[in-house]
N, C-alpha and C. Protein backbone atom coordinates (compact mmCIF):
# COMPACT_ATOMS: atom_id res chain seq x y z
N MET A 1 0.83 -1.19 0.00
CA MET A 1 0.00 0.00 0.00
C MET A 1 0.87 1.25 0.00
N LYS A 2 1.98 1.17 0.73
CA LYS A 2 2.87 2.34 0.72
C LYS A 2 3.55 2.49 -0.63
N ALA A 3 3.78 1.36 -1.33
CA ALA A 3 4.39 1.43 -2.65
C ALA A 3 3.44 2.09 -3.65
N MET A 4 2.15 2.08 -3.37
CA MET A 4 1.18 2.74 -4.25
C MET A 4 0.93 4.18 -3.85
N GLY A 5 1.61 4.65 -2.77
CA GLY A 5 1.54 6.06 -2.43
C GLY A 5 0.73 6.40 -1.19
N LEU A 6 0.28 5.43 -0.44
CA LEU A 6 -0.47 5.73 0.78
C LEU A 6 0.48 6.20 1.88
N GLN A 7 -0.02 7.11 2.69
CA GLN A 7 0.75 7.61 3.83
C GLN A 7 0.61 6.63 5.00
N ASN A 8 1.46 6.82 6.01
CA ASN A 8 1.44 5.92 7.17
C ASN A 8 0.07 5.90 7.85
N ASN A 9 -0.52 7.07 8.06
CA ASN A 9 -1.81 7.10 8.76
C ASN A 9 -2.92 6.46 7.93
N GLU A 10 -2.82 6.50 6.61
CA GLU A 10 -3.81 5.84 5.76
C GLU A 10 -3.69 4.31 5.84
N VAL A 11 -2.46 3.83 5.93
CA VAL A 11 -2.24 2.39 6.08
C VAL A 11 -2.78 1.92 7.42
N VAL A 12 -2.49 2.67 8.48
CA VAL A 12 -2.99 2.32 9.81
C VAL A 12 -4.51 2.34 9.80
N TYR A 13 -5.10 3.37 9.23
CA TYR A 13 -6.56 3.49 9.17
C TYR A 13 -7.17 2.29 8.42
N THR A 14 -6.55 1.87 7.33
CA THR A 14 -7.06 0.74 6.55
C THR A 14 -7.05 -0.55 7.36
N PHE A 15 -5.93 -0.83 8.04
CA PHE A 15 -5.83 -2.06 8.83
C PHE A 15 -6.79 -2.05 10.01
N VAL A 16 -6.88 -0.92 10.69
CA VAL A 16 -7.76 -0.83 11.86
C VAL A 16 -9.22 -0.94 11.43
N LEU A 17 -9.59 -0.31 10.35
CA LEU A 17 -10.96 -0.39 9.85
C LEU A 17 -11.31 -1.82 9.45
N GLU A 18 -10.37 -2.50 8.81
CA GLU A 18 -10.60 -3.90 8.45
C GLU A 18 -10.78 -4.77 9.69
N SER A 19 -9.98 -4.52 10.71
CA SER A 19 -10.10 -5.29 11.95
C SER A 19 -11.44 -5.04 12.63
N ILE A 20 -11.90 -3.81 12.64
CA ILE A 20 -13.20 -3.50 13.24
C ILE A 20 -14.31 -4.20 12.45
N GLY A 21 -14.20 -4.24 11.14
CA GLY A 21 -15.18 -4.93 10.31
C GLY A 21 -15.22 -6.42 10.61
N ILE A 22 -14.04 -7.02 10.80
CA ILE A 22 -13.98 -8.43 11.16
C ILE A 22 -14.59 -8.65 12.54
N GLY A 23 -14.34 -7.73 13.46
CA GLY A 23 -14.93 -7.83 14.80
C GLY A 23 -16.44 -7.74 14.76
N ILE A 24 -16.96 -6.84 13.94
CA ILE A 24 -18.42 -6.71 13.80
C ILE A 24 -19.01 -7.97 13.18
N LEU A 25 -18.37 -8.47 12.13
CA LEU A 25 -18.85 -9.69 11.49
C LEU A 25 -18.83 -10.88 12.46
N GLY A 26 -17.75 -11.02 13.20
CA GLY A 26 -17.68 -12.08 14.19
C GLY A 26 -18.72 -11.91 15.29
N GLY A 27 -18.97 -10.66 15.68
CA GLY A 27 -19.98 -10.40 16.70
C GLY A 27 -21.37 -10.76 16.23
N VAL A 28 -21.69 -10.43 14.99
CA VAL A 28 -23.02 -10.76 14.44
C VAL A 28 -23.19 -12.27 14.35
N ILE A 29 -22.17 -12.97 13.86
CA ILE A 29 -22.25 -14.43 13.77
C ILE A 29 -22.37 -15.04 15.16
N GLY A 30 -21.61 -14.51 16.12
CA GLY A 30 -21.69 -15.01 17.49
C GLY A 30 -23.04 -14.77 18.12
N VAL A 31 -23.64 -13.61 17.85
CA VAL A 31 -24.98 -13.33 18.39
C VAL A 31 -26.00 -14.29 17.80
N LEU A 32 -25.91 -14.53 16.51
CA LEU A 32 -26.86 -15.47 15.89
C LEU A 32 -26.71 -16.87 16.47
N MET A 33 -25.47 -17.31 16.66
CA MET A 33 -25.26 -18.62 17.27
C MET A 33 -25.72 -18.63 18.73
N GLY A 34 -25.48 -17.53 19.44
CA GLY A 34 -25.92 -17.44 20.83
C GLY A 34 -27.42 -17.45 20.96
N ILE A 35 -28.10 -16.75 20.05
CA ILE A 35 -29.57 -16.76 20.07
C ILE A 35 -30.09 -18.17 19.85
N GLY A 36 -29.47 -18.90 18.94
CA GLY A 36 -29.87 -20.29 18.71
C GLY A 36 -29.63 -21.16 19.93
N GLY A 37 -28.48 -20.98 20.58
CA GLY A 37 -28.17 -21.77 21.77
C GLY A 37 -29.08 -21.45 22.94
N VAL A 38 -29.36 -20.16 23.15
CA VAL A 38 -30.24 -19.77 24.25
C VAL A 38 -31.66 -20.23 23.96
N TRP A 39 -32.08 -20.15 22.72
CA TRP A 39 -33.42 -20.62 22.37
C TRP A 39 -33.56 -22.11 22.67
N MET A 40 -32.52 -22.88 22.33
CA MET A 40 -32.57 -24.32 22.61
C MET A 40 -32.57 -24.58 24.12
N MET A 41 -31.80 -23.80 24.88
CA MET A 41 -31.79 -23.98 26.34
C MET A 41 -33.14 -23.62 26.95
N ILE A 42 -33.80 -22.59 26.42
CA ILE A 42 -35.11 -22.19 26.94
C ILE A 42 -36.17 -23.23 26.57
N THR A 43 -36.12 -23.70 25.34
CA THR A 43 -37.13 -24.63 24.85
C THR A 43 -36.98 -26.03 25.43
N TYR A 44 -35.78 -26.58 25.36
CA TYR A 44 -35.57 -27.98 25.73
C TYR A 44 -34.89 -28.15 27.09
N GLY A 45 -34.08 -27.24 27.47
CA GLY A 45 -33.35 -27.37 28.72
C GLY A 45 -32.18 -28.33 28.59
N LEU A 46 -31.47 -28.52 29.68
CA LEU A 46 -30.29 -29.38 29.70
C LEU A 46 -30.47 -30.36 30.85
N ASP A 47 -30.59 -31.62 30.53
CA ASP A 47 -30.84 -32.66 31.52
C ASP A 47 -29.53 -33.34 31.87
N PHE A 48 -28.93 -32.95 33.00
CA PHE A 48 -27.66 -33.53 33.42
C PHE A 48 -27.79 -35.00 33.78
N GLU A 49 -28.93 -35.36 34.36
CA GLU A 49 -29.12 -36.75 34.77
C GLU A 49 -29.14 -37.67 33.56
N ALA A 50 -29.77 -37.25 32.48
CA ALA A 50 -29.81 -38.06 31.27
C ALA A 50 -28.44 -38.10 30.58
N MET A 51 -27.68 -37.00 30.68
CA MET A 51 -26.37 -36.95 30.03
C MET A 51 -25.34 -37.83 30.74
N PHE A 52 -25.30 -37.76 32.06
CA PHE A 52 -24.26 -38.46 32.81
C PHE A 52 -24.76 -39.71 33.51
N GLY A 53 -26.06 -39.91 33.57
CA GLY A 53 -26.62 -41.10 34.17
C GLY A 53 -26.55 -41.13 35.69
N MET A 54 -26.34 -39.97 36.30
CA MET A 54 -26.28 -39.93 37.76
C MET A 54 -26.76 -38.58 38.25
N ASP A 55 -27.01 -38.51 39.54
CA ASP A 55 -27.46 -37.27 40.16
C ASP A 55 -26.27 -36.32 40.27
N MET A 56 -26.43 -35.07 39.86
CA MET A 56 -25.33 -34.12 39.88
C MET A 56 -25.07 -33.55 41.28
N ALA A 57 -25.92 -33.87 42.24
CA ALA A 57 -25.71 -33.37 43.60
C ALA A 57 -24.43 -33.96 44.20
N SER A 58 -24.01 -35.12 43.74
CA SER A 58 -22.77 -35.71 44.26
C SER A 58 -21.54 -34.92 43.81
N PHE A 59 -21.68 -34.10 42.79
CA PHE A 59 -20.59 -33.25 42.32
C PHE A 59 -20.70 -31.82 42.83
N GLY A 60 -21.61 -31.58 43.74
CA GLY A 60 -21.78 -30.24 44.30
C GLY A 60 -22.73 -29.36 43.53
N MET A 61 -23.44 -29.92 42.56
CA MET A 61 -24.41 -29.16 41.77
C MET A 61 -25.81 -29.60 42.17
N PRO A 62 -26.49 -28.82 42.97
CA PRO A 62 -27.83 -29.23 43.42
C PRO A 62 -28.87 -29.06 42.31
N VAL A 63 -28.78 -29.91 41.30
CA VAL A 63 -29.67 -29.84 40.15
C VAL A 63 -30.60 -31.04 40.17
N ILE A 64 -31.88 -30.77 40.16
CA ILE A 64 -32.87 -31.83 40.07
C ILE A 64 -33.67 -31.59 38.81
N GLY A 65 -33.64 -32.51 37.89
CA GLY A 65 -34.36 -32.36 36.64
C GLY A 65 -33.53 -31.61 35.61
N LYS A 66 -34.18 -30.73 34.90
CA LYS A 66 -33.53 -30.00 33.81
C LYS A 66 -33.15 -28.58 34.24
N VAL A 67 -32.14 -28.04 33.56
CA VAL A 67 -31.73 -26.65 33.74
C VAL A 67 -32.17 -25.90 32.49
N TYR A 68 -32.87 -24.79 32.68
CA TYR A 68 -33.36 -23.99 31.55
C TYR A 68 -32.64 -22.65 31.53
N GLY A 69 -32.58 -22.05 30.35
CA GLY A 69 -31.94 -20.77 30.17
C GLY A 69 -32.93 -19.63 30.22
N VAL A 70 -32.40 -18.40 30.24
CA VAL A 70 -33.23 -17.19 30.20
C VAL A 70 -32.60 -16.23 29.19
N TRP A 71 -33.42 -15.37 28.62
CA TRP A 71 -32.93 -14.35 27.70
C TRP A 71 -32.25 -13.24 28.48
N ASN A 72 -31.10 -12.79 28.00
CA ASN A 72 -30.37 -11.68 28.61
C ASN A 72 -29.78 -10.82 27.49
N PRO A 73 -30.58 -9.92 26.90
CA PRO A 73 -30.08 -9.11 25.78
C PRO A 73 -28.89 -8.23 26.14
N ALA A 74 -28.81 -7.79 27.39
CA ALA A 74 -27.68 -6.94 27.79
C ALA A 74 -26.36 -7.71 27.68
N ALA A 75 -26.38 -9.00 27.95
CA ALA A 75 -25.17 -9.80 27.82
C ALA A 75 -24.71 -9.89 26.37
N PHE A 76 -25.67 -10.00 25.45
CA PHE A 76 -25.31 -10.02 24.02
C PHE A 76 -24.64 -8.72 23.62
N VAL A 77 -25.19 -7.60 24.06
CA VAL A 77 -24.62 -6.29 23.72
C VAL A 77 -23.22 -6.15 24.31
N LYS A 78 -23.05 -6.55 25.56
CA LYS A 78 -21.74 -6.45 26.20
C LYS A 78 -20.69 -7.30 25.50
N VAL A 79 -21.06 -8.51 25.14
CA VAL A 79 -20.09 -9.42 24.51
C VAL A 79 -19.70 -8.92 23.12
N VAL A 80 -20.66 -8.43 22.35
CA VAL A 80 -20.35 -7.91 21.01
C VAL A 80 -19.48 -6.66 21.13
N SER A 81 -19.81 -5.78 22.06
CA SER A 81 -19.00 -4.58 22.26
C SER A 81 -17.58 -4.94 22.68
N PHE A 82 -17.46 -5.91 23.58
CA PHE A 82 -16.13 -6.34 24.02
C PHE A 82 -15.33 -6.91 22.85
N GLY A 83 -15.96 -7.70 22.00
CA GLY A 83 -15.27 -8.27 20.85
C GLY A 83 -14.80 -7.22 19.87
N ILE A 84 -15.61 -6.21 19.63
CA ILE A 84 -15.21 -5.13 18.72
C ILE A 84 -14.07 -4.32 19.31
N ILE A 85 -14.14 -4.03 20.60
CA ILE A 85 -13.08 -3.26 21.25
C ILE A 85 -11.77 -4.03 21.26
N VAL A 86 -11.84 -5.33 21.52
CA VAL A 86 -10.62 -6.15 21.52
C VAL A 86 -10.02 -6.23 20.12
N SER A 87 -10.84 -6.39 19.10
CA SER A 87 -10.31 -6.45 17.74
C SER A 87 -9.69 -5.11 17.34
N PHE A 88 -10.29 -4.01 17.80
CA PHE A 88 -9.72 -2.69 17.53
C PHE A 88 -8.36 -2.54 18.22
N LEU A 89 -8.30 -2.87 19.50
CA LEU A 89 -7.05 -2.70 20.24
C LEU A 89 -5.96 -3.65 19.74
N ALA A 90 -6.35 -4.85 19.32
CA ALA A 90 -5.38 -5.82 18.85
C ALA A 90 -4.82 -5.46 17.48
N SER A 91 -5.46 -4.56 16.77
CA SER A 91 -5.00 -4.21 15.42
C SER A 91 -4.11 -2.97 15.39
N ILE A 92 -4.06 -2.21 16.46
CA ILE A 92 -3.33 -0.94 16.41
C ILE A 92 -1.83 -1.17 16.26
N TRP A 93 -1.24 -2.00 17.12
CA TRP A 93 0.21 -2.19 17.06
C TRP A 93 0.67 -2.82 15.74
N PRO A 94 0.02 -3.89 15.24
CA PRO A 94 0.46 -4.43 13.94
C PRO A 94 0.26 -3.43 12.80
N ALA A 95 -0.76 -2.61 12.89
CA ALA A 95 -0.98 -1.62 11.83
C ALA A 95 0.13 -0.58 11.81
N TYR A 96 0.54 -0.09 12.97
CA TYR A 96 1.65 0.86 13.02
C TYR A 96 2.94 0.21 12.57
N ARG A 97 3.13 -1.06 12.92
CA ARG A 97 4.33 -1.77 12.51
C ARG A 97 4.36 -1.96 10.99
N ALA A 98 3.22 -2.29 10.40
CA ALA A 98 3.16 -2.44 8.94
C ALA A 98 3.36 -1.10 8.24
N ALA A 99 2.86 -0.03 8.83
CA ALA A 99 3.00 1.29 8.20
C ALA A 99 4.44 1.78 8.25
N ASP A 100 5.23 1.33 9.23
CA ASP A 100 6.62 1.78 9.35
C ASP A 100 7.58 1.06 8.40
N LYS A 101 7.16 -0.02 7.82
CA LYS A 101 8.07 -0.80 6.97
C LYS A 101 8.35 -0.07 5.65
N ASP A 102 9.58 -0.26 5.20
CA ASP A 102 9.97 0.28 3.90
C ASP A 102 9.47 -0.65 2.80
N PRO A 103 8.71 -0.13 1.82
CA PRO A 103 8.11 -1.02 0.82
C PRO A 103 9.16 -1.78 -0.01
N VAL A 104 10.28 -1.16 -0.31
CA VAL A 104 11.30 -1.83 -1.13
C VAL A 104 11.90 -3.00 -0.36
N LYS A 105 12.20 -2.81 0.92
CA LYS A 105 12.76 -3.91 1.71
C LYS A 105 11.73 -5.00 1.95
N THR A 106 10.49 -4.63 2.07
CA THR A 106 9.44 -5.61 2.31
C THR A 106 9.21 -6.48 1.09
N ILE A 107 9.21 -5.88 -0.08
CA ILE A 107 8.98 -6.64 -1.33
C ILE A 107 10.19 -7.51 -1.66
N TYR A 108 11.40 -7.02 -1.38
CA TYR A 108 12.61 -7.74 -1.73
C TYR A 108 13.11 -8.62 -0.57
N HIS A 109 12.20 -9.18 0.18
CA HIS A 109 12.58 -10.01 1.32
C HIS A 109 13.03 -11.39 0.86
N ARG A 110 14.17 -11.87 1.40
CA ARG A 110 14.66 -13.21 1.06
C ARG A 110 14.73 -14.04 2.30
């Protein structure tokens, strides 16, 4: 990108923007998968006794019957926001490092 004439801040902006886009895409896919998982937990529940064939109270889990889930939209928002912020912060240092490289030395690497 620098060989085509982009400045350092433009290269950094491009990498960071791409990382934020990947974070948003991952967040949307994660929310869709989470909605499916929570829906299944609400509808069918999780029967530990059927899964392990024993009472879970012997393991310190006072569970009798099935465990059901509940909707928590605030948790979805927090997790997506956290993922976008982490992808943004994780992209800053590599973007500055890529912007500092000399294009001729980078292309002629052996």
